PDB file of N, CA and C in Angstrom:
ATOM      1  N   MET A   1       0.852  -1.215  -0.010  1.00  0.00           N
ATOM      2  CA  MET A   1       0.032  -0.010   0.035  1.00  0.00           C
ATOM      3  C   MET A   1       0.859   1.228  -0.048  1.00  0.00           C
ATOM      4  N   LYS A   2       0.546   2.172  -0.880  1.00  0.00           N
ATOM      5  CA  LYS A   2       1.307   3.455  -0.989  1.00  0.00           C
ATOM      6  C   LYS A   2       0.721   4.457  -0.074  1.00  0.00           C
ATOM      7  N   LEU A   3       1.587   5.117   0.771  1.00  0.00           N
ATOM      8  CA  LEU A   3       1.069   6.119   1.652  1.00  0.00           C
ATOM      9  C   LEU A   3       1.411   7.498   1.137  1.00  0.00           C
ATOM     10  N   LYS A   4       0.587   8.479   1.516  1.00  0.00           N
ATOM     11  CA  LYS A   4       0.749   9.891   1.101  1.00  0.00           C
ATOM     12  C   LYS A   4       1.542  10.711   2.102  1.00  0.00           C
ATOM     13  N   ILE A   5       1.883  10.165   3.291  1.00  0.00           N
ATOM     14  CA  ILE A   5       2.678  10.716   4.321  1.00  0.00           C
ATOM     15  C   ILE A   5       3.843   9.985   4.539  1.00  0.00           C
ATOM     16  N   LYS A   6       4.924  10.623   5.067  1.00  0.00           N
ATOM     17  CA  LYS A   6       6.177   9.960   5.445  1.00  0.00           C
ATOM     18  C   LYS A   6       6.592  10.377   6.869  1.00  0.00           C
ATOM     19  N   SER A   7       7.569   9.672   7.414  1.00  0.00           N
ATOM     20  CA  SER A   7       8.147  10.016   8.624  1.00  0.00           C
ATOM     21  C   SER A   7       8.799  11.368   8.546  1.00  0.00           C
ATOM     22  N   GLY A   8       8.498  12.264   9.513  1.00  0.00           N
ATOM     23  CA  GLY A   8       9.062  13.597   9.585  1.00  0.00           C
ATOM     24  C   GLY A   8       8.051  14.585   8.994  1.00  0.00           C
ATOM     25  N   ASP A   9       6.938  14.266   8.357  1.00  0.00           N
ATOM     26  CA  ASP A   9       5.984  15.193   7.878  1.00  0.00           C
ATOM     27  C   ASP A   9       5.217  15.701   9.193  1.00  0.00           C
ATOM     28  N   THR A  10       4.749  16.909   8.953  1.00  0.00           N
ATOM     29  CA  THR A  10       3.876  17.539  10.001  1.00  0.00           C
ATOM     30  C   THR A  10       2.380  17.263   9.562  1.00  0.00           C
ATOM     31  N   VAL A  11       1.672  16.736  10.435  1.00  0.00           N
ATOM     32  CA  VAL A  11       0.292  16.418  10.094  1.00  0.00           C
ATOM     33  C   VAL A  11      -0.716  16.883  11.134  1.00  0.00           C
ATOM     34  N   ARG A  12      -1.966  16.939  10.729  1.00  0.00           N
ATOM     35  CA  ARG A  12      -3.103  17.237  11.621  1.00  0.00           C
ATOM     36  C   ARG A  12      -3.976  16.069  11.775  1.00  0.00           C
ATOM     37  N   VAL A  13      -4.592  15.813  12.948  1.00  0.00           N
ATOM     38  CA  VAL A  13      -5.505  14.680  13.133  1.00  0.00           C
ATOM     39  C   VAL A  13      -6.965  15.305  12.778  1.00  0.00           C
ATOM     40  N   MET A  14      -7.569  14.628  11.875  1.00  0.00           N
ATOM     41  CA  MET A  14      -8.822  15.083  11.303  1.00  0.00           C
ATOM     42  C   MET A  14     -10.055  14.372  11.920  1.00  0.00           C
ATOM     43  N   ALA A  15      -9.855  13.324  12.679  1.00  0.00           N
ATOM     44  CA  ALA A  15     -10.958  12.592  13.309  1.00  0.00           C
ATOM     45  C   ALA A  15     -10.534  11.854  14.500  1.00  0.00           C
ATOM     46  N   GLY A  16     -11.577  11.598  15.431  1.00  0.00           N
ATOM     47  CA  GLY A  16     -11.208  10.900  16.552  1.00  0.00           C
ATOM     48  C   GLY A  16     -11.138  11.813  17.876  1.00  0.00           C
ATOM     49  N   ASP A  17     -10.695  11.273  18.947  1.00  0.00           N
ATOM     50  CA  ASP A  17     -10.584  11.938  20.256  1.00  0.00           C
ATOM     51  C   ASP A  17      -9.609  13.130  20.150  1.00  0.00           C
ATOM     52  N   HIS A  18      -8.673  12.997  19.296  1.00  0.00           N
ATOM     53  CA  HIS A  18      -7.562  13.945  19.193  1.00  0.00           C
ATOM     54  C   HIS A  18      -7.706  14.923  18.026  1.00  0.00           C
ATOM     55  N   LYS A  19      -8.879  15.079  17.535  1.00  0.00           N
ATOM     56  CA  LYS A  19      -9.158  15.930  16.301  1.00  0.00           C
ATOM     57  C   LYS A  19      -8.645  17.329  16.536  1.00  0.00           C
ATOM     58  N   GLY A  20      -7.988  17.826  15.566  1.00  0.00           N
ATOM     59  CA  GLY A  20      -7.314  19.201  15.638  1.00  0.00           C
ATOM     60  C   GLY A  20      -5.907  19.241  16.016  1.00  0.00           C
ATOM     61  N   GLU A  21      -5.427  18.212  16.731  1.00  0.00           N
ATOM     62  CA  GLU A  21      -4.088  18.333  17.235  1.00  0.00           C
ATOM     63  C   GLU A  21      -3.132  18.087  16.036  1.00  0.00           C
ATOM     64  N   GLU A  22      -1.962  18.724  16.255  1.00  0.00           N
ATOM     65  CA  GLU A  22      -0.885  18.633  15.199  1.00  0.00           C
ATOM     66  C   GLU A  22       0.431  18.135  15.789  1.00  0.00           C
ATOM     67  N   GLY A  23       1.277  17.539  14.901  1.00  0.00           N
ATOM     68  CA  GLY A  23       2.534  16.991  15.361  1.00  0.00           C
ATOM     69  C   GLY A  23       3.319  16.402  14.163  1.00  0.00           C
ATOM     70  N   LYS A  24       4.500  16.052  14.502  1.00  0.00           N
ATOM     71  CA  LYS A  24       5.460  15.518  13.491  1.00  0.00           C
ATOM     72  C   LYS A  24       5.298  13.954  13.521  1.00  0.00           C
ATOM     73  N   ILE A  25       5.341  13.212  12.496  1.00  0.00           N
ATOM     74  CA  ILE A  25       5.340  11.715  12.345  1.00  0.00           C
ATOM     75  C   ILE A  25       6.675  11.276  12.891  1.00  0.00           C
ATOM     76  N   ILE A  26       6.691  10.433  13.876  1.00  0.00           N
ATOM     77  CA  ILE A  26       7.936   9.823  14.447  1.00  0.00           C
ATOM     78  C   ILE A  26       8.235   8.573  13.561  1.00  0.00           C
ATOM     79  N   SER A  27       7.145   7.661  13.460  1.00  0.00           N
ATOM     80  CA  SER A  27       7.338   6.441  12.844  1.00  0.00           C
ATOM     81  C   SER A  27       6.100   5.823  12.279  1.00  0.00           C
ATOM     82  N   ILE A  28       6.127   5.034  11.168  1.00  0.00           N
ATOM     83  CA  ILE A  28       4.977   4.487  10.501  1.00  0.00           C
ATOM     84  C   ILE A  28       5.047   3.023  10.468  1.00  0.00           C
ATOM     85  N   PHE A  29       3.910   2.441  10.847  1.00  0.00           N
ATOM     86  CA  PHE A  29       3.835   0.892  10.801  1.00  0.00           C
ATOM     87  C   PHE A  29       2.949   0.589   9.635  1.00  0.00           C
ATOM     88  N   LEU A  30       3.586   0.178   8.464  1.00  0.00           N
ATOM     89  CA  LEU A  30       2.840  -0.149   7.144  1.00  0.00           C
ATOM     90  C   LEU A  30       1.920  -1.247   7.424  1.00  0.00           C
ATOM     91  N   ASN A  31       2.372  -2.349   8.127  1.00  0.00           N
ATOM     92  CA  ASN A  31       1.514  -3.556   8.180  1.00  0.00           C
ATOM     93  C   ASN A  31       0.196  -3.370   8.903  1.00  0.00           C
ATOM     94  N   LYS A  32       0.268  -2.338   9.862  1.00  0.00           N
ATOM     95  CA  LYS A  32      -0.928  -2.081  10.745  1.00  0.00           C
ATOM     96  C   LYS A  32      -1.632  -0.877  10.243  1.00  0.00           C
ATOM     97  N   ASN A  33      -1.146  -0.077   9.182  1.00  0.00           N
ATOM     98  CA  ASN A  33      -1.653   1.171   8.707  1.00  0.00           C
ATOM     99  C   ASN A  33      -1.861   2.169   9.851  1.00  0.00           C
ATOM    100  N   ARG A  34      -0.796   2.358  10.702  1.00  0.00           N
ATOM    101  CA  ARG A  34      -0.836   3.298  11.767  1.00  0.00           C
ATOM    102  C   ARG A  34       0.552   4.070  11.835  1.00  0.00           C
ATOM    103  N   ALA A  35       0.349   5.193  12.496  1.00  0.00           N
ATOM    104  CA  ALA A  35       1.744   6.068  12.636  1.00  0.00           C
ATOM    105  C   ALA A  35       1.597   6.648  14.082  1.00  0.00           C
ATOM    106  N   ILE A  36       2.874   6.906  14.588  1.00  0.00           N
ATOM    107  CA  ILE A  36       3.043   7.461  15.764  1.00  0.00           C
ATOM    108  C   ILE A  36       3.369   9.063  15.557  1.00  0.00           C
ATOM    109  N   VAL A  37       2.454   9.945  16.087  1.00  0.00           N
ATOM    110  CA  VAL A  37       2.660  11.355  15.955  1.00  0.00           C
ATOM    111  C   VAL A  37       2.992  11.931  17.221  1.00  0.00           C
ATOM    112  N   GLU A  38       3.972  12.767  17.173  1.00  0.00           N
ATOM    113  CA  GLU A  38       4.685  13.460  18.402  1.00  0.00           C
ATOM    114  C   GLU A  38       3.622  14.287  19.115  1.00  0.00           C
ATOM    115  N   GLY A  39       3.372  13.913  20.403  1.00  0.00           N
ATOM    116  CA  GLY A  39       2.440  14.675  21.225  1.00  0.00           C
ATOM    117  C   GLY A  39       0.951  14.349  21.070  1.00  0.00           C
ATOM    118  N   VAL A  40       0.673  13.319  20.169  1.00  0.00           N
ATOM    119  CA  VAL A  40      -0.790  13.024  19.995  1.00  0.00           C
ATOM    120  C   VAL A  40      -0.964  11.618  20.495  1.00  0.00           C
ATOM    121  N   ASN A  41      -2.156  11.435  21.107  1.00  0.00           N
ATOM    122  CA  ASN A  41      -2.647  10.071  21.552  1.00  0.00           C
ATOM    123  C   ASN A  41      -1.713   9.571  22.633  1.00  0.00           C
ATOM    124  N   MET A  42      -1.564  10.452  23.712  1.00  0.00           N
ATOM    125  CA  MET A  42      -0.582  10.022  24.735  1.00  0.00           C
ATOM    126  C   MET A  42      -1.291   9.094  25.675  1.00  0.00           C
ATOM    127  N   ILE A  43      -0.544   8.030  26.045  1.00  0.00           N
ATOM    128  CA  ILE A  43      -0.941   7.112  27.032  1.00  0.00           C
ATOM    129  C   ILE A  43      -0.053   6.964  28.171  1.00  0.00           C
ATOM    130  N   SER A  44      -0.580   6.532  29.283  1.00  0.00           N
ATOM    131  CA  SER A  44       0.159   6.218  30.462  1.00  0.00           C
ATOM    132  C   SER A  44       0.618   4.759  30.590  1.00  0.00           C
ATOM    133  N   LYS A  45       1.853   4.435  30.557  1.00  0.00           N
ATOM    134  CA  LYS A  45       2.402   3.073  30.644  1.00  0.00           C
ATOM    135  C   LYS A  45       2.999   2.801  31.952  1.00  0.00           C
ATOM    136  N   HIS A  46       2.462   1.805  32.728  1.00  0.00           N
ATOM    137  CA  HIS A  46       3.082   1.447  34.003  1.00  0.00           C
ATOM    138  C   HIS A  46       4.285   0.448  33.737  1.00  0.00           C
ATOM    139  N   THR A  47       5.397   0.879  34.261  1.00  0.00           N
ATOM    140  CA  THR A  47       6.611   0.172  34.040  1.00  0.00           C
ATOM    141  C   THR A  47       7.176  -0.433  35.337  1.00  0.00           C
ATOM    142  N   LYS A  48       7.645  -1.659  35.301  1.00  0.00           N
ATOM    143  CA  LYS A  48       8.253  -2.282  36.397  1.00  0.00           C
ATOM    144  C   LYS A  48       9.785  -1.681  36.565  1.00  0.00           C
ATOM    145  N   PRO A  49      10.308  -1.744  37.662  1.00  0.00           N
ATOM    146  CA  PRO A  49      11.745  -1.323  37.839  1.00  0.00           C
ATOM    147  C   PRO A  49      12.697  -2.131  37.003  1.00  0.00           C
ATOM    148  N   SER A  50      13.639  -1.561  36.382  1.00  0.00           N
ATOM    149  CA  SER A  50      14.650  -2.414  35.568  1.00  0.00           C
ATOM    150  C   SER A  50      15.913  -1.663  35.667  1.00  0.00           C
ATOM    151  N   ALA A  51      16.894  -2.192  34.964  1.00  0.00           N
ATOM    152  CA  ALA A  51      18.287  -1.703  34.946  1.00  0.00           C
ATOM    153  C   ALA A  51      18.310  -0.265  34.381  1.00  0.00           C
ATOM    154  N   GLN A  52      17.493   0.021  33.352  1.00  0.00           N
ATOM    155  CA  GLN A  52      17.391   1.391  32.680  1.00  0.00           C
ATOM    156  C   GLN A  52      16.630   2.299  33.546  1.00  0.00           C
ATOM    157  N   ASN A  53      15.583   1.749  34.136  1.00  0.00           N
ATOM    158  CA  ASN A  53      14.728   2.701  34.952  1.00  0.00           C
ATOM    159  C   ASN A  53      14.529   1.930  36.286  1.00  0.00           C
ATOM    160  N   PRO A  54      15.561   2.185  37.229  1.00  0.00           N
ATOM    161  CA  PRO A  54      15.365   1.516  38.586  1.00  0.00           C
ATOM    162  C   PRO A  54      14.303   1.902  39.416  1.00  0.00           C
ATOM    163  N   GLN A  55      13.700   3.082  39.148  1.00  0.00           N
ATOM    164  CA  GLN A  55      12.674   3.571  39.942  1.00  0.00           C
ATOM    165  C   GLN A  55      11.292   2.911  39.559  1.00  0.00           C
ATOM    166  N   GLY A  56      11.142   2.666  38.262  1.00  0.00           N
ATOM    167  CA  GLY A  56       9.784   2.133  37.719  1.00  0.00           C
ATOM    168  C   GLY A  56       8.795   3.278  37.624  1.00  0.00           C
ATOM    169  N   GLY A  57       7.555   2.987  37.659  1.00  0.00           N
ATOM    170  CA  GLY A  57       6.573   4.152  37.641  1.00  0.00           C
ATOM    171  C   GLY A  57       5.773   4.262  36.426  1.00  0.00           C
ATOM    172  N   ILE A  58       5.118   5.437  36.224  1.00  0.00           N
ATOM    173  CA  ILE A  58       4.208   5.619  35.161  1.00  0.00           C
ATOM    174  C   ILE A  58       4.910   6.531  34.183  1.00  0.00           C
ATOM    175  N   VAL A  59       4.995   6.107  32.878  1.00  0.00           N
ATOM    176  CA  VAL A  59       5.694   6.837  31.806  1.00  0.00           C
ATOM    177  C   VAL A  59       4.567   7.151  30.803  1.00  0.00           C
ATOM    178  N   LYS A  60       4.586   8.444  30.338  1.00  0.00           N
ATOM    179  CA  LYS A  60       3.679   8.950  29.316  1.00  0.00           C
ATOM    180  C   LYS A  60       4.426   8.789  27.940  1.00  0.00           C
ATOM    181  N   LYS A  61       3.691   8.118  26.928  1.00  0.00           N
ATOM    182  CA  LYS A  61       4.276   7.947  25.627  1.00  0.00           C
ATOM    183  C   LYS A  61       3.196   8.031  24.547  1.00  0.00           C
ATOM    184  N   GLU A  62       3.509   8.209  23.355  1.00  0.00           N
ATOM    185  CA  GLU A  62       2.639   8.227  22.278  1.00  0.00           C
ATOM    186  C   GLU A  62       2.155   6.867  21.851  1.00  0.00           C
ATOM    187  N   ALA A  63       0.876   6.688  21.488  1.00  0.00           N
ATOM    188  CA  ALA A  63       0.405   5.407  20.980  1.00  0.00           C
ATOM    189  C   ALA A  63       0.070   5.663  19.551  1.00  0.00           C
ATOM    190  N   PRO A  64       0.062   4.593  18.720  1.00  0.00           N
ATOM    191  CA  PRO A  64      -0.111   4.639  17.343  1.00  0.00           C
ATOM    192  C   PRO A  64      -1.581   5.115  16.983  1.00  0.00           C
ATOM    193  N   ILE A  65      -1.757   5.847  15.907  1.00  0.00           N
ATOM    194  CA  ILE A  65      -3.030   6.397  15.469  1.00  0.00           C
ATOM    195  C   ILE A  65      -3.212   6.090  14.033  1.00  0.00           C
ATOM    196  N   ASP A  66      -4.346   5.785  13.550  1.00  0.00           N
ATOM    197  CA  ASP A  66      -4.717   5.273  12.251  1.00  0.00           C
ATOM    198  C   ASP A  66      -4.306   6.377  11.125  1.00  0.00           C
ATOM    199  N   ILE A  67      -3.671   6.003  10.151  1.00  0.00           N
ATOM    200  CA  ILE A  67      -3.260   6.930   9.089  1.00  0.00           C
ATOM    201  C   ILE A  67      -4.328   7.620   8.411  1.00  0.00           C
ATOM    202  N   SER A  68      -5.533   6.889   8.353  1.00  0.00           N
ATOM    203  CA  SER A  68      -6.654   7.506   7.613  1.00  0.00           C
ATOM    204  C   SER A  68      -7.235   8.688   8.383  1.00  0.00           C
ATOM    205  N   ASN A  69      -6.843   8.969   9.624  1.00  0.00           N
ATOM    206  CA  ASN A  69      -7.186  10.151  10.442  1.00  0.00           C
ATOM    207  C   ASN A  69      -6.260  11.279  10.263  1.00  0.00           C
ATOM    208  N   LEU A  70      -5.114  11.066   9.555  1.00  0.00           N
ATOM    209  CA  LEU A  70      -4.205  12.205   9.407  1.00  0.00           C
ATOM    210  C   LEU A  70      -4.152  12.795   8.125  1.00  0.00           C
ATOM    211  N   MET A  71      -3.910  14.170   8.118  1.00  0.00           N
ATOM    212  CA  MET A  71      -3.717  14.894   6.835  1.00  0.00           C
ATOM    213  C   MET A  71      -2.494  15.714   6.865  1.00  0.00           C
ATOM    214  N   LEU A  72      -1.747  15.849   5.826  1.00  0.00           N
ATOM    215  CA  LEU A  72      -0.612  16.530   5.719  1.00  0.00           C
ATOM    216  C   LEU A  72      -0.840  18.055   5.923  1.00  0.00           C
ATOM    217  N   LEU A  73       0.174  18.751   6.531  1.00  0.00           N
ATOM    218  CA  LEU A  73       0.067  20.250   6.657  1.00  0.00           C
ATOM    219  C   LEU A  73       1.057  20.889   5.819  1.00  0.00           C
ATOM    220  N   GLU A  74       0.602  22.005   5.175  1.00  0.00           N
ATOM    221  CA  GLU A  74       1.446  22.763   4.339  1.00  0.00           C
ATOM    222  C   GLU A  74       1.100  24.181   4.604  1.00  0.00           C
ATOM    223  N   ASN A  75       2.049  24.976   5.123  1.00  0.00           N
ATOM    224  CA  ASN A  75       1.892  26.329   5.571  1.00  0.00           C
ATOM    225  C   ASN A  75       0.617  26.405   6.656  1.00  0.00           C
ATOM    226  N   GLY A  76       0.482  25.480   7.542  1.00  0.00           N
ATOM    227  CA  GLY A  76      -0.507  25.530   8.429  1.00  0.00           C
ATOM    228  C   GLY A  76      -1.946  25.113   8.050  1.00  0.00           C
ATOM    229  N   GLU A  77      -2.014  24.682   6.789  1.00  0.00           N
ATOM    230  CA  GLU A  77      -3.344  24.143   6.220  1.00  0.00           C
ATOM    231  C   GLU A  77      -3.260  22.728   5.849  1.00  0.00           C
ATOM    232  N   ALA A  78      -4.306  22.088   6.204  1.00  0.00           N
ATOM    233  CA  ALA A  78      -4.383  20.565   5.810  1.00  0.00           C
ATOM    234  C   ALA A  78      -4.582  20.490   4.326  1.00  0.00           C
ATOM    235  N   VAL A  79      -3.789  19.698   3.616  1.00  0.00           N
ATOM    236  CA  VAL A  79      -3.932  19.585   2.199  1.00  0.00           C
ATOM    237  C   VAL A  79      -4.012  18.157   1.761  1.00  0.00           C
ATOM    238  N   LYS A  80      -4.679  17.849   0.588  1.00  0.00           N
ATOM    239  CA  LYS A  80      -4.601  16.535  -0.051  1.00  0.00           C
ATOM    240  C   LYS A  80      -3.273  16.331  -0.717  1.00  0.00           C
ATOM    241  N   VAL A  81      -2.902  15.167  -0.977  1.00  0.00           N
ATOM    242  CA  VAL A  81      -1.622  14.920  -1.575  1.00  0.00           C
ATOM    243  C   VAL A  81      -1.852  14.106  -2.804  1.00  0.00           C
ATOM    244  N   GLY A  82      -1.058  14.372  -3.853  1.00  0.00           N
ATOM    245  CA  GLY A  82      -1.170  13.638  -5.178  1.00  0.00           C
ATOM    246  C   GLY A  82       0.210  13.301  -5.541  1.00  0.00           C
ATOM    247  N   TYR A  83       0.397  12.390  -6.552  1.00  0.00           N
ATOM    248  CA  TYR A  83       1.716  12.129  -7.102  1.00  0.00           C
ATOM    249  C   TYR A  83       1.697  12.563  -8.608  1.00  0.00           C
ATOM    250  N   ARG A  84       2.818  12.933  -9.094  1.00  0.00           N
ATOM    251  CA  ARG A  84       2.954  13.206 -10.474  1.00  0.00           C
ATOM    252  C   ARG A  84       4.498  13.041 -10.843  1.00  0.00           C
ATOM    253  N   MET A  85       4.646  12.881 -12.124  1.00  0.00           N
ATOM    254  CA  MET A  85       6.065  12.707 -12.558  1.00  0.00           C
ATOM    255  C   MET A  85       6.617  14.146 -13.098  1.00  0.00           C
ATOM    256  N   GLU A  86       7.696  14.386 -12.565  1.00  0.00           N
ATOM    257  CA  GLU A  86       8.468  15.653 -13.023  1.00  0.00           C
ATOM    258  C   GLU A  86       9.756  15.241 -13.547  1.00  0.00           C
ATOM    259  N   GLY A  87       9.870  15.153 -14.890  1.00  0.00           N
ATOM    260  CA  GLY A  87      10.997  14.615 -15.576  1.00  0.00           C
ATOM    261  C   GLY A  87      10.941  13.125 -15.336  1.00  0.00           C
ATOM    262  N   ASP A  88      12.014  12.532 -14.753  1.00  0.00           N
ATOM    263  CA  ASP A  88      11.988  11.111 -14.480  1.00  0.00           C
ATOM    264  C   ASP A  88      11.771  10.768 -13.105  1.00  0.00           C
ATOM    265  N   LYS A  89      11.340  11.850 -12.173  1.00  0.00           N
ATOM    266  CA  LYS A  89      11.157  11.572 -10.838  1.00  0.00           C
ATOM    267  C   LYS A  89       9.764  11.665 -10.490  1.00  0.00           C
ATOM    268  N   LYS A  90       9.252  10.790  -9.515  1.00  0.00           N
ATOM    269  CA  LYS A  90       7.811  10.874  -9.008  1.00  0.00           C
ATOM    270  C   LYS A  90       7.854  11.727  -7.781  1.00  0.00           C
ATOM    271  N   VAL A  91       7.089  12.717  -7.761  1.00  0.00           N
ATOM    272  CA  VAL A  91       7.097  13.739  -6.600  1.00  0.00           C
ATOM    273  C   VAL A  91       5.685  13.867  -6.063  1.00  0.00           C
ATOM    274  N   ARG A  92       5.701  14.136  -4.764  1.00  0.00           N
ATOM    275  CA  ARG A  92       4.350  14.445  -4.111  1.00  0.00           C
ATOM    276  C   ARG A  92       3.998  15.869  -4.321  1.00  0.00           C
ATOM    277  N   PHE A  93       2.756  16.229  -4.497  1.00  0.00           N
ATOM    278  CA  PHE A  93       2.340  17.632  -4.567  1.00  0.00           C
ATOM    279  C   PHE A  93       1.070  17.783  -3.978  1.00  0.00           C
ATOM    280  N   SER A  94       0.912  19.193  -3.491  1.00  0.00           N
ATOM    281  CA  SER A  94      -0.297  19.562  -2.813  1.00  0.00           C
ATOM    282  C   SER A  94      -1.381  19.798  -3.829  1.00  0.00           C
ATOM    283  N   LYS A  95      -2.580  19.287  -3.716  1.00  0.00           N
ATOM    284  CA  LYS A  95      -3.621  19.456  -4.640  1.00  0.00           C
ATOM    285  C   LYS A  95      -4.298  20.857  -4.429  1.00  0.00           C
ATOM    286  N   LYS A  96      -4.045  21.443  -3.216  1.00  0.00           N
ATOM    287  CA  LYS A  96      -4.541  22.758  -3.028  1.00  0.00           C
ATOM    288  C   LYS A  96      -3.742  23.853  -3.697  1.00  0.00           C
ATOM    289  N   SER A  97      -2.465  23.780  -3.590  1.00  0.00           N
ATOM    290  CA  SER A  97      -1.664  24.818  -4.214  1.00  0.00           C
ATOM    291  C   SER A  97      -0.809  24.361  -5.431  1.00  0.00           C
ATOM    292  N   ASP A  98      -1.020  23.152  -5.797  1.00  0.00           N
ATOM    293  CA  ASP A  98      -0.366  22.415  -7.015  1.00  0.00           C
ATOM    294  C   ASP A  98       1.204  22.664  -6.940  1.00  0.00           C
ATOM    295  N   LYS A  99       1.774  22.718  -5.797  1.00  0.00           N
ATOM    296  CA  LYS A  99       3.281  22.855  -5.669  1.00  0.00           C
ATOM    297  C   LYS A  99       3.783  21.504  -5.105  1.00  0.00           C
ATOM    298  N   ALA A 100       4.970  21.226  -5.605  1.00  0.00           N
ATOM    299  CA  ALA A 100       5.737  20.005  -5.104  1.00  0.00           C
ATOM    300  C   ALA A 100       5.978  20.072  -3.606  1.00  0.00           C
ATOM    301  N   ILE A 101       5.873  18.995  -2.911  1.00  0.00           N
ATOM    302  CA  ILE A 101       6.160  19.036  -1.420  1.00  0.00           C
ATOM    303  C   ILE A 101       7.584  18.572  -1.157  1.00  0.00           C
TER     304      ILE A 101
END
């Protein structure tokens, strides 16, 4: 499956509990069709004491969110993304401004 967003893109959540929140994509899980977005969908994970974390306790971290709920941001606006050939390269472009991303 070809995705229209990549790691490092700034996106906005368009649906769900975190609608309207924005952040940068940290990682993408292609097989699950989900992405982890910085500062969005935070969960509290209870950790046992270990060598790395001798205290243990509650850790806040991002949980994956479905890619269908995300839209790429360009100049602070959510835009649809398309693909086209420019010379011999395939590039992403914004359908709103018709500029290459």
